[in-house]
């Protein structure tokens, strides 16, 4: 495991979202995922994430997602954690940028999935 793996994970994550491929995107998200730091919510679960993505992908609300920078925090045989900056462009041309802490875990089926995400800072323009 190394920084190249984390970069590849983020590339695939962005590609599946930008392509609005719900099945492929959600295959990268653990059923036990917890998202912290979303204004107005204690936590976001897998079901919440699925419903939001299904709506955004169907309506074309999400236009593009990308990541910049990568700061590795934890690296074991079954878990990696890193910080990155996510940029999302919506159909109105509005761009949201979030500093994220992401935890990706190798699950029992051998697949690596996002298990935790924490929004550290957010800006919208």
Protein backbone atom coordinates (compact mmCIF):
# COMPACT_ATOMS: atom_id res chain seq x y z
CA UNK A 1 0.00 0.00 0.00
CA UNK A 2 1.26 3.47 -0.79
CA UNK A 3 0.39 6.93 -1.97
CA UNK A 4 -0.10 5.62 -5.53
CA UNK A 5 -2.89 3.33 -4.30
CA UNK A 6 -4.64 6.24 -2.55
CA UNK A 7 -4.35 8.41 -5.68
CA UNK A 8 -5.76 5.58 -7.80
CA UNK A 9 -8.66 5.14 -5.36
CA UNK A 10 -9.49 8.86 -5.57
CA UNK A 11 -9.24 8.82 -9.38
CA UNK A 12 -11.68 5.91 -9.63
CA UNK A 13 -13.95 7.51 -7.03
CA UNK A 14 -14.07 10.78 -9.02
CA UNK A 15 -14.54 8.99 -12.35
CA UNK A 16 -17.49 6.92 -11.15
CA UNK A 17 -19.20 9.99 -9.68
CA UNK A 18 -18.50 12.23 -12.69
CA UNK A 19 -19.78 9.48 -15.02
CA UNK A 20 -22.90 9.17 -12.81
CA UNK A 21 -22.29 5.42 -12.53
CA UNK A 22 -24.24 4.77 -9.34
CA UNK A 23 -23.44 1.05 -9.06
CA UNK A 24 -19.70 1.51 -9.58
CA UNK A 25 -19.57 4.53 -7.27
CA UNK A 26 -21.48 2.87 -4.44
CA UNK A 27 -19.30 -0.26 -4.80
CA UNK A 28 -16.47 1.95 -3.49
CA UNK A 29 -18.45 2.92 -0.39
CA UNK A 30 -18.68 0.59 2.60
CA UNK A 31 -22.12 -0.27 3.95
CA UNK A 32 -20.75 0.81 7.33
CA UNK A 33 -19.59 4.24 6.09
CA UNK A 34 -20.01 7.23 8.39
CA UNK A 35 -19.60 10.81 7.19
CA UNK A 36 -19.03 13.52 9.78
CA UNK A 37 -19.02 17.28 9.47
CA UNK A 38 -21.91 17.80 7.06
CA UNK A 39 -23.73 20.95 8.19
CA UNK A 40 -27.15 20.10 9.62
CA UNK A 41 -26.44 16.38 10.09
CA UNK A 42 -24.90 14.34 12.90
CA UNK A 43 -23.69 11.66 10.50
CA UNK A 44 -24.41 10.49 6.98
CA UNK A 45 -24.84 6.73 6.50
CA UNK A 46 -24.61 4.47 3.46
CA UNK A 47 -28.37 4.73 2.84
CA UNK A 48 -28.23 8.53 3.04
CA UNK A 49 -25.29 8.58 0.63
CA UNK A 50 -27.01 6.22 -1.79
CA UNK A 51 -30.19 8.31 -1.88
CA UNK A 52 -28.25 11.55 -2.42
CA UNK A 53 -26.11 10.08 -5.21
CA UNK A 54 -29.12 8.46 -6.89
CA UNK A 55 -30.88 11.83 -6.93
CA UNK A 56 -27.84 13.84 -8.08
CA UNK A 57 -26.83 11.36 -10.76
CA UNK A 58 -30.39 11.05 -12.14
CA UNK A 59 -31.06 14.79 -12.23
CA UNK A 60 -27.61 15.75 -13.46
CA UNK A 61 -27.05 18.03 -10.46
CA UNK A 62 -23.47 16.80 -10.10
CA UNK A 63 -21.34 17.74 -13.10
CA UNK A 64 -17.79 16.99 -12.01
CA UNK A 65 -15.81 15.91 -8.98
CA UNK A 66 -12.07 15.99 -8.53
CA UNK A 67 -9.35 15.77 -5.91
CA UNK A 68 -6.16 17.71 -5.36
CA UNK A 69 -3.37 17.01 -2.93
CA UNK A 70 -2.90 13.98 -0.75
CA UNK A 71 -1.43 13.78 2.73
CA UNK A 72 -1.13 10.22 4.02
CA UNK A 73 -1.98 9.87 7.73
CA UNK A 74 -2.26 6.11 8.40
CA UNK A 75 -1.17 3.10 6.40
CA UNK A 76 -1.62 -0.52 7.49
CA UNK A 77 -2.33 -3.72 5.58
CA UNK A 78 -6.08 -3.17 5.87
CA UNK A 79 -6.55 0.58 6.41
CA UNK A 80 -5.33 3.80 4.90
CA UNK A 81 -6.23 7.31 5.99
CA UNK A 82 -5.39 10.53 4.22
CA UNK A 83 -6.39 14.15 3.79
CA UNK A 84 -7.27 15.60 0.40
CA UNK A 85 -9.17 18.49 -1.15
CA UNK A 86 -12.35 17.61 -3.03
CA UNK A 87 -13.89 19.97 -5.59
CA UNK A 88 -17.45 19.48 -6.80
CA UNK A 89 -19.02 21.43 -9.66
CA UNK A 90 -22.82 21.36 -9.90
CA UNK A 91 -25.12 22.00 -12.86
CA UNK A 92 -25.45 25.70 -11.90
CA UNK A 93 -21.67 26.12 -12.17
CA UNK A 94 -21.30 26.44 -8.41
CA UNK A 95 -18.06 24.94 -7.08
CA UNK A 96 -17.76 23.54 -3.57
CA UNK A 97 -14.34 22.76 -2.17
CA UNK A 98 -13.91 20.61 0.91
CA UNK A 99 -10.86 19.59 2.87
CA UNK A 100 -11.52 15.93 3.75
CA UNK A 101 -10.08 13.23 5.94
CA UNK A 102 -10.87 9.84 4.39
CA UNK A 103 -10.45 6.31 5.74
CA UNK A 104 -10.40 3.44 3.24
CA UNK A 105 -10.49 -0.13 4.53
CA UNK A 106 -9.95 -3.53 2.97
CA UNK A 107 -13.17 -5.37 3.73
CA UNK A 108 -13.73 -9.10 4.19
CA UNK A 109 -14.42 -9.61 0.47
CA UNK A 110 -10.98 -8.17 -0.34
CA UNK A 111 -12.32 -4.89 -1.78
CA UNK A 112 -11.12 -1.51 -0.55
CA UNK A 113 -13.99 0.82 0.39
CA UNK A 114 -14.46 4.18 2.01
CA UNK A 115 -15.51 3.58 5.64
CA UNK A 116 -15.25 7.07 7.09
CA UNK A 117 -15.09 10.62 5.84
CA UNK A 118 -14.80 13.79 7.84
CA UNK A 119 -15.22 17.28 6.40
CA UNK A 120 -12.48 19.44 7.89
CA UNK A 121 -13.31 22.69 6.03
CA UNK A 122 -15.68 23.74 3.25
CA UNK A 123 -16.02 26.69 0.85
CA UNK A 124 -18.53 27.40 -1.91
CA UNK A 125 -18.13 29.79 -4.84
